[in-house]
Amino acid sequence: MSSTEPLVRFSGVQKTYDGEQLVVRELNLDIQRGEFLSLLGPSGSGKTTTLMMLAGFESPTAGDILLDGKQITRTPPHKRNFGMVFQNYALFPHMTVAQNVAYPLTVRKVPKDEQEKRVQKALDMVRLTGMGERLPTRLSGGQQQRVALARALVFEPQLVLMDEPLGALDKQLREHMQLELKELHRQLGVTFVYVTHDQGEALTMSDRVAVFNEGVIQQLADAQSLYEAPSNRFVAGFVGDSTVLRGTLGGTADAPCIVLGQGQTLPGINVNNAVAGAMVEACVRPERIALHVQAPAALNTVAAQVAGIVYYGDHVRLLCSMGAGQAQATVKLPLTHACALTPPAMGSTVHLEFPTPFTRIYAL
């Protein structure tokens, strides 16, 4: 098998539970060897169903799933040899940590002395050395999470599937575990497929992210492309924060712009080839908007009124009223910005500059 061949290929896969509504529709997806791929989307978008079909717990209604070029669509889960980590950990409470980790090896009839070596290695890998004799109930949530991970890795699977595995942890521990998982993936080189509805988690950890909505992958890209260049309005709204401007498309094919209600124009990028005069929305990341207290010479600026000031610790956000028909604009200011230290007064007029390369205009 050529190394350029994907490890997993979904080809024309569909899934329906009731024979009418497609939960996953016409899924074509290649998962590359050794990559960390996240399936990201809101509840009911099809991401977990996709993972369950890959695991073998659900069968596709149509289409094929290939592993190393071989059909596995009807292969039962235990014969796929994939590691699985769930949100609830699914540890056996009456068994010690070492026995829990050894379970997949016992099922595979691995000799006892070999089991001990592999369990020790797996526990070292997830930094639980010396905890093999404890019961899971004596461990913290983060430690139980690690036991579940060690159990998924102990039999050296070629693929590890994770379904919201950090969802039950508190924010600080979750962020710490994200970095640990990413580092573990880097060391092992195993293929990880990770389901989450947390956009920050997906951006932090993944080589690539598949954004699902209504059973369809809306965009499949690396984290930076997904954040900086969303391919449609759904992705722009779901991944990261955006200031959204409503208007109609003006300008020319070479120099498009959004025309706001007051007749003001802001040049931008016409992402979905909206036609002139069509209703459109422009999305701009809050940190890309430049704030000016005095009106600058730049053409792509709009006057706004300060409607709120929110202190976030590492930055300050200004909420600005843009006038009738427009949602509030959010401007993200680093603490090094003069206006973050002494923000403009509530109700005062400021001037917001929208840089053309980051003003992405979407057809509605």
Protein backbone atom coordinates (compact mmCIF):
# COMPACT_ATOMS: atom_id res chain seq x y z
CA MET A 1 0.00 0.00 0.00
CA SER A 2 1.45 3.33 -1.07
CA SER A 3 2.06 5.80 1.77
CA THR A 4 0.25 8.46 -0.28
CA GLU A 5 -2.95 6.39 -0.06
CA PRO A 6 -5.24 7.59 2.75
CA LEU A 7 -5.52 5.34 5.79
CA VAL A 8 -9.33 5.70 5.76
CA ARG A 9 -11.63 6.65 2.90
CA PHE A 10 -15.35 7.43 3.19
CA SER A 11 -16.84 7.14 -0.28
CA GLY A 12 -20.41 8.37 -0.89
CA VAL A 13 -21.42 7.46 2.68
CA GLN A 14 -24.97 8.24 3.80
CA LYS A 15 -26.77 7.46 7.05
CA THR A 16 -30.44 7.67 7.96
CA TYR A 17 -32.12 6.30 11.08
CA ASP A 18 -35.74 6.71 9.97
CA GLY A 19 -35.47 6.15 6.21
CA GLU A 20 -36.31 9.80 5.53
CA GLN A 21 -33.91 12.28 7.08
CA LEU A 22 -30.22 11.88 6.22
CA VAL A 23 -28.04 12.44 9.29
CA VAL A 24 -24.95 12.10 7.08
CA ARG A 25 -25.29 12.87 3.39
CA GLU A 26 -22.89 11.93 0.59
CA LEU A 27 -19.77 11.94 2.76
CA ASN A 28 -16.48 11.76 0.86
CA LEU A 29 -13.56 12.07 3.26
CA ASP A 30 -9.96 10.87 3.25
CA ILE A 31 -8.16 10.50 6.59
CA GLN A 32 -4.38 10.58 6.15
CA ARG A 33 -1.91 8.37 8.01
CA GLY A 34 -0.61 9.88 11.23
CA GLU A 35 -2.80 12.98 11.14
CA PHE A 36 -4.86 14.49 13.96
CA LEU A 37 -8.26 15.08 12.37
CA SER A 38 -11.08 16.72 14.33
CA LEU A 39 -14.74 16.43 13.37
CA LEU A 40 -16.30 19.69 14.58
CA GLY A 41 -19.91 20.81 14.50
CA PRO A 42 -23.07 21.58 16.49
CA SER A 43 -25.30 18.86 17.97
CA GLY A 44 -27.01 16.80 15.27
CA SER A 45 -24.54 17.83 12.55
CA GLY A 46 -23.46 14.24 11.79
CA LYS A 47 -19.97 14.27 13.33
CA THR A 48 -20.59 11.61 16.01
CA THR A 49 -22.53 9.40 13.58
CA THR A 50 -19.52 9.58 11.24
CA LEU A 51 -17.21 8.47 14.07
CA MET A 52 -19.60 5.64 15.06
CA MET A 53 -19.69 4.39 11.45
CA LEU A 54 -15.89 4.42 11.40
CA ALA A 55 -15.82 2.51 14.71
CA GLY A 56 -18.33 -0.03 13.40
CA PHE A 57 -21.07 0.73 15.95
CA GLU A 58 -23.28 2.10 13.16
CA SER A 59 -23.62 0.87 9.58
CA PRO A 60 -23.86 3.26 6.60
CA THR A 61 -27.19 3.30 4.76
CA ALA A 62 -25.21 3.77 1.53
CA GLY A 63 -21.59 4.11 0.44
CA ASP A 64 -18.31 2.49 1.49
CA ILE A 65 -15.69 2.85 4.21
CA LEU A 66 -12.19 1.67 3.29
CA LEU A 67 -9.23 1.04 5.60
CA ASP A 68 -5.88 0.70 3.82
CA GLY A 69 -7.84 0.35 0.59
CA LYS A 70 -9.86 -2.60 1.92
CA GLN A 71 -13.60 -2.56 2.51
CA ILE A 72 -14.55 -2.46 6.24
CA THR A 73 -18.16 -1.28 5.88
CA ARG A 74 -19.51 -4.56 7.35
CA THR A 75 -16.54 -5.44 9.59
CA PRO A 76 -17.63 -5.66 13.27
CA PRO A 77 -16.02 -3.21 15.75
CA HIS A 78 -13.80 -5.76 17.54
CA LYS A 79 -12.19 -6.76 14.27
CA ARG A 80 -11.28 -3.20 13.26
CA ASN A 81 -8.61 -2.99 15.95
CA PHE A 82 -9.21 0.72 16.70
CA GLY A 83 -8.60 2.39 20.06
CA MET A 84 -11.65 4.21 21.45
CA VAL A 85 -11.94 6.92 24.12
CA PHE A 86 -15.37 8.15 25.22
CA GLN A 87 -16.49 11.13 27.31
CA ASN A 88 -17.60 8.90 30.20
CA TYR A 89 -14.28 6.93 30.14
CA ALA A 90 -16.14 3.55 30.46
CA LEU A 91 -13.64 2.18 33.00
CA PHE A 92 -14.42 -0.99 34.99
CA PRO A 93 -14.83 0.25 38.61
CA HIS A 94 -13.99 -3.16 40.21
CA MET A 95 -10.70 -3.48 38.29
CA THR A 96 -7.43 -1.69 39.08
CA VAL A 97 -5.93 0.87 36.72
CA ALA A 98 -3.45 -1.76 35.44
CA GLN A 99 -6.25 -4.31 34.89
CA ASN A 100 -8.33 -1.72 33.03
CA VAL A 101 -5.41 -0.87 30.75
CA ALA A 102 -4.59 -4.56 30.24
CA TYR A 103 -8.17 -5.46 29.27
CA PRO A 104 -7.72 -5.09 25.46
CA LEU A 105 -4.57 -7.26 25.70
CA THR A 106 -6.41 -9.93 27.72
CA VAL A 107 -9.16 -10.05 25.08
CA ARG A 108 -6.45 -10.46 22.41
CA LYS A 109 -4.84 -13.27 24.46
CA VAL A 110 -1.47 -11.49 24.77
CA PRO A 111 0.85 -13.45 27.17
CA LYS A 112 0.89 -12.18 30.79
CA ASP A 113 4.54 -11.05 30.86
CA GLU A 114 4.09 -9.15 27.60
CA GLN A 115 0.91 -7.59 29.05
CA GLU A 116 2.80 -6.27 32.06
CA LYS A 117 5.48 -4.65 29.88
CA ARG A 118 2.93 -3.01 27.60
CA VAL A 119 0.74 -1.77 30.47
CA GLN A 120 3.77 -0.23 32.17
CA LYS A 121 4.78 1.49 28.92
CA ALA A 122 1.23 2.81 28.35
CA LEU A 123 0.96 4.17 31.91
CA ASP A 124 4.37 5.86 31.58
CA MET A 125 3.19 7.37 28.31
CA VAL A 126 0.20 9.08 29.98
CA ARG A 127 2.19 9.98 33.11
CA LEU A 128 0.45 7.56 35.51
CA THR A 129 3.59 5.65 36.54
CA GLY A 130 3.11 3.90 39.88
CA MET A 131 -0.70 4.17 39.88
CA GLY A 132 -1.42 0.72 38.41
CA GLU A 133 -2.80 -0.76 41.64
CA ARG A 134 -5.32 2.01 42.34
CA LEU A 135 -9.02 1.70 41.59
CA PRO A 136 -10.51 4.22 39.10
CA THR A 137 -12.80 5.63 41.81
CA ARG A 138 -9.71 6.84 43.70
CA LEU A 139 -8.58 8.94 40.73
CA SER A 140 -9.45 12.47 39.61
CA GLY A 141 -11.37 13.06 36.38
CA GLY A 142 -8.18 13.96 34.53
CA GLN A 143 -6.42 10.80 35.77
CA GLN A 144 -9.38 8.61 34.75
CA GLN A 145 -9.21 10.27 31.35
CA ARG A 146 -5.57 9.21 31.08
CA VAL A 147 -6.37 5.63 32.05
CA ALA A 148 -8.96 5.50 29.24
CA LEU A 149 -6.34 6.88 26.86
CA ALA A 150 -3.71 4.34 27.99
CA ARG A 151 -6.24 1.55 27.44
CA ALA A 152 -6.92 2.82 23.92
CA LEU A 153 -3.19 2.94 23.09
CA VAL A 154 -1.90 -0.20 24.84
CA PHE A 155 -2.50 -2.60 21.94
CA GLU A 156 -0.82 -0.21 19.46
CA PRO A 157 -3.81 0.45 17.19
CA GLN A 158 -3.30 2.22 13.86
CA LEU A 159 -6.25 4.49 14.60
CA VAL A 160 -7.55 6.07 17.83
CA LEU A 161 -11.13 7.40 17.84
CA MET A 162 -12.19 9.92 20.48
CA ASP A 163 -15.73 11.13 21.17
CA GLU A 164 -15.66 14.39 23.20
CA PRO A 165 -13.16 12.80 25.64
CA LEU A 166 -12.43 16.04 27.53
CA GLY A 167 -16.05 17.20 27.80
CA ALA A 168 -16.45 16.29 31.49
CA LEU A 169 -13.31 18.11 32.66
CA ASP A 170 -13.15 21.67 34.00
CA LYS A 171 -11.78 24.39 31.72
CA GLN A 172 -8.24 24.56 33.08
CA LEU A 173 -7.75 20.79 33.13
CA ARG A 174 -9.34 20.46 29.68
CA GLU A 175 -6.89 22.98 28.20
CA HIS A 176 -3.98 21.20 29.88
CA MET A 177 -5.13 17.82 28.50
CA GLN A 178 -5.49 19.29 25.00
CA LEU A 179 -1.78 20.13 24.98
CA GLU A 180 -0.90 16.71 26.42
CA LEU A 181 -2.93 14.90 23.76
CA LYS A 182 -1.34 16.97 21.00
CA GLU A 183 2.15 16.16 22.31
CA LEU A 184 1.31 12.46 22.69
CA HIS A 185 0.07 12.39 19.11
CA ARG A 186 3.31 14.00 17.96
CA GLN A 187 5.39 11.39 19.78
CA LEU A 188 3.39 8.34 18.69
CA GLY A 189 2.55 9.23 15.11
CA VAL A 190 -0.74 7.29 15.42
CA THR A 191 -3.78 8.57 13.48
CA PHE A 192 -6.25 10.37 15.79
CA VAL A 193 -9.87 11.10 14.83
CA TYR A 194 -11.45 13.39 17.41
CA VAL A 195 -15.08 14.52 17.73
CA THR A 196 -15.83 17.84 19.46
CA HIS A 197 -18.29 20.72 19.41
CA ASP A 198 -15.66 22.98 21.01
CA GLN A 199 -14.09 25.10 18.26
CA GLY A 200 -11.17 26.21 20.44
CA GLU A 201 -10.32 22.58 21.18
CA ALA A 202 -10.40 21.66 17.48
CA LEU A 203 -8.21 24.63 16.48
CA THR A 204 -5.69 23.98 19.27
CA MET A 205 -5.11 20.30 18.64
CA SER A 206 -5.72 19.36 15.04
CA ASP A 207 -3.68 19.05 11.86
CA ARG A 208 -6.98 19.38 9.98
CA VAL A 209 -10.57 20.10 11.00
CA ALA A 210 -13.74 18.94 9.20
CA VAL A 211 -16.60 21.32 10.04
CA PHE A 212 -19.96 19.53 9.86
CA ASN A 213 -23.44 21.00 9.56
CA GLU A 214 -26.66 19.22 8.61
CA GLY A 215 -24.80 16.04 7.67
CA VAL A 216 -22.39 17.73 5.27
CA ILE A 217 -18.74 18.76 5.64
CA GLN A 218 -18.85 22.53 5.13
CA GLN A 219 -15.06 22.95 5.10
CA LEU A 220 -12.05 20.69 5.62
CA ALA A 221 -8.84 22.61 6.29
CA ASP A 222 -5.99 23.27 8.70
CA ALA A 223 -6.79 25.43 11.74
CA GLN A 224 -5.32 28.66 10.35
CA SER A 225 -7.16 28.42 7.01
CA LEU A 226 -10.40 27.59 8.80
CA TYR A 227 -10.11 30.64 11.05
CA GLU A 228 -8.69 33.17 8.58
CA ALA A 229 -10.50 32.03 5.41
CA PRO A 230 -13.88 30.44 6.22
CA SER A 231 -15.38 29.10 2.99
CA ASN A 232 -19.00 29.98 3.76
CA ARG A 233 -21.22 31.91 6.15
CA PHE A 234 -21.85 28.93 8.44
CA VAL A 235 -18.14 28.27 9.05
CA ALA A 236 -17.47 32.00 9.56
CA GLY A 237 -20.14 32.09 12.25
CA PHE A 238 -19.37 28.76 13.93
CA VAL A 239 -15.58 28.93 14.12
CA GLY A 240 -14.35 31.86 16.22
CA ASP A 241 -16.02 35.22 16.87
CA SER A 242 -17.00 37.56 14.07
CA THR A 243 -18.38 41.05 13.71
CA VAL A 244 -21.15 40.75 11.13
CA LEU A 245 -22.18 43.58 8.78
CA ARG A 246 -25.37 43.40 6.68
CA GLY A 247 -25.82 45.09 3.31
CA THR A 248 -25.83 44.55 -0.44
CA LEU A 249 -23.01 43.70 -2.80
CA GLY A 250 -21.60 46.65 -4.71
CA GLY A 251 -18.41 47.54 -6.55
CA THR A 252 -17.05 45.53 -9.47
CA ALA A 253 -16.01 41.91 -9.99
CA ASP A 254 -12.38 42.93 -9.41
CA ALA A 255 -13.12 45.28 -6.50
CA PRO A 256 -16.22 44.09 -4.63
CA CYS A 257 -17.60 45.88 -1.59
CA ILE A 258 -20.47 45.69 0.84
CA VAL A 259 -22.86 48.65 0.77
CA LEU A 260 -24.23 49.34 4.25
CA GLY A 261 -27.64 50.84 5.00
CA GLN A 262 -26.27 54.39 5.26
CA GLY A 263 -24.79 54.08 1.76
CA GLN A 264 -21.28 53.60 3.11
CA THR A 265 -19.11 51.09 1.27
CA LEU A 266 -16.45 48.75 2.63
CA PRO A 267 -14.24 46.87 0.16
CA GLY A 268 -13.76 43.15 0.85
CA ILE A 269 -13.47 39.67 -0.66
CA ASN A 270 -16.54 38.21 -2.40
CA VAL A 271 -16.12 34.65 -1.10
CA ASN A 272 -19.17 32.89 -2.60
CA ASN A 273 -19.47 34.88 -5.84
CA ALA A 274 -22.55 36.83 -4.73
CA VAL A 275 -24.14 38.82 -7.56
CA ALA A 276 -24.26 42.63 -7.61
CA GLY A 277 -27.17 44.01 -5.60
CA ALA A 278 -27.69 40.76 -3.64
CA MET A 279 -28.16 40.80 0.12
CA VAL A 280 -24.86 39.82 1.73
CA GLU A 281 -23.13 39.66 5.09
CA ALA A 282 -19.51 40.55 5.76
CA CYS A 283 -17.69 38.80 8.61
CA VAL A 284 -14.60 40.32 10.20
CA ARG A 285 -12.65 38.88 13.14
CA PRO A 286 -12.77 41.27 16.16
CA GLU A 287 -8.97 41.40 16.44
CA ARG A 288 -8.67 42.52 12.77
CA ILE A 289 -10.75 45.67 13.27
CA ALA A 290 -8.61 48.76 13.92
CA LEU A 291 -10.02 51.27 16.39
CA HIS A 292 -9.43 55.00 15.89
CA VAL A 293 -10.56 57.74 18.26
CA GLN A 294 -10.11 60.40 15.56
CA ALA A 295 -11.47 59.88 12.02
CA PRO A 296 -8.58 58.53 9.89
CA ALA A 297 -7.98 59.15 6.20
CA ALA A 298 -8.66 55.47 5.39
CA LEU A 299 -11.71 54.92 3.21
CA ASN A 300 -12.78 51.63 4.78
CA THR A 301 -13.93 53.09 8.11
CA VAL A 302 -17.32 53.41 9.75
CA ALA A 303 -18.29 55.66 12.66
CA ALA A 304 -19.78 53.84 15.66
CA GLN A 305 -20.78 54.54 19.27
CA VAL A 306 -19.25 52.77 22.24
CA ALA A 307 -22.03 50.68 23.81
CA GLY A 308 -20.08 48.40 26.14
CA ILE A 309 -16.61 47.68 27.54
CA VAL A 310 -15.74 44.13 28.68
CA TYR A 311 -12.49 43.27 30.43
CA TYR A 312 -11.30 39.71 29.66
CA GLY A 313 -7.99 39.66 31.53
CA ASP A 314 -5.70 39.24 28.55
CA HIS A 315 -7.62 41.70 26.32
CA VAL A 316 -10.46 44.23 26.33
CA ARG A 317 -13.51 44.06 24.07
CA LEU A 318 -15.36 47.14 22.94
CA LEU A 319 -18.99 46.66 21.89
CA CYS A 320 -19.87 49.31 19.33
CA SER A 321 -23.30 50.30 18.03
CA MET A 322 -23.23 50.54 14.21
CA GLY A 323 -26.65 52.10 13.72
CA ALA A 324 -30.04 50.87 12.48
CA GLY A 325 -30.12 47.43 10.83
CA GLN A 326 -26.65 46.42 12.03
CA ALA A 327 -25.64 44.11 14.85
CA GLN A 328 -23.16 45.41 17.42
CA ALA A 329 -19.54 45.32 16.30
CA THR A 330 -17.05 43.68 18.65
CA VAL A 331 -13.51 45.06 18.64
CA LYS A 332 -10.81 43.06 20.44
CA LEU A 333 -8.00 45.19 21.85
CA PRO A 334 -4.78 43.73 23.29
CA LEU A 335 -3.74 45.21 26.63
CA THR A 336 -0.87 46.98 24.85
CA HIS A 337 -3.37 49.10 22.91
CA ALA A 338 -3.76 52.62 24.35
CA CYS A 339 -7.57 52.34 24.26
CA ALA A 340 -7.46 49.11 26.29
CA LEU A 341 -5.80 50.94 29.17
CA THR A 342 -8.05 54.00 28.97
CA PRO A 343 -11.12 53.00 26.93
CA PRO A 344 -13.26 55.67 25.24
CA ALA A 345 -16.27 56.82 27.26
CA MET A 346 -19.60 55.03 26.86
CA GLY A 347 -21.63 56.66 24.09
CA SER A 348 -18.61 58.37 22.53
CA THR A 349 -17.96 58.12 18.80
CA VAL A 350 -15.13 55.94 17.53
CA HIS A 351 -14.06 55.03 14.00
CA LEU A 352 -13.72 51.37 13.05
CA GLU A 353 -11.39 50.44 10.21
CA PHE A 354 -12.17 47.16 8.40
CA PRO A 355 -9.08 45.89 6.51
CA THR A 356 -10.03 44.70 3.00
CA PRO A 357 -8.21 41.29 3.11
CA PHE A 358 -10.10 40.35 6.29
CA THR A 359 -13.54 41.67 5.29
CA ARG A 360 -15.03 38.48 3.87
CA ILE A 361 -18.38 38.95 2.09
CA TYR A 362 -20.75 35.99 1.95
CA ALA A 363 -23.83 35.39 -0.16
CA LEU A 364 -26.94 34.68 1.94
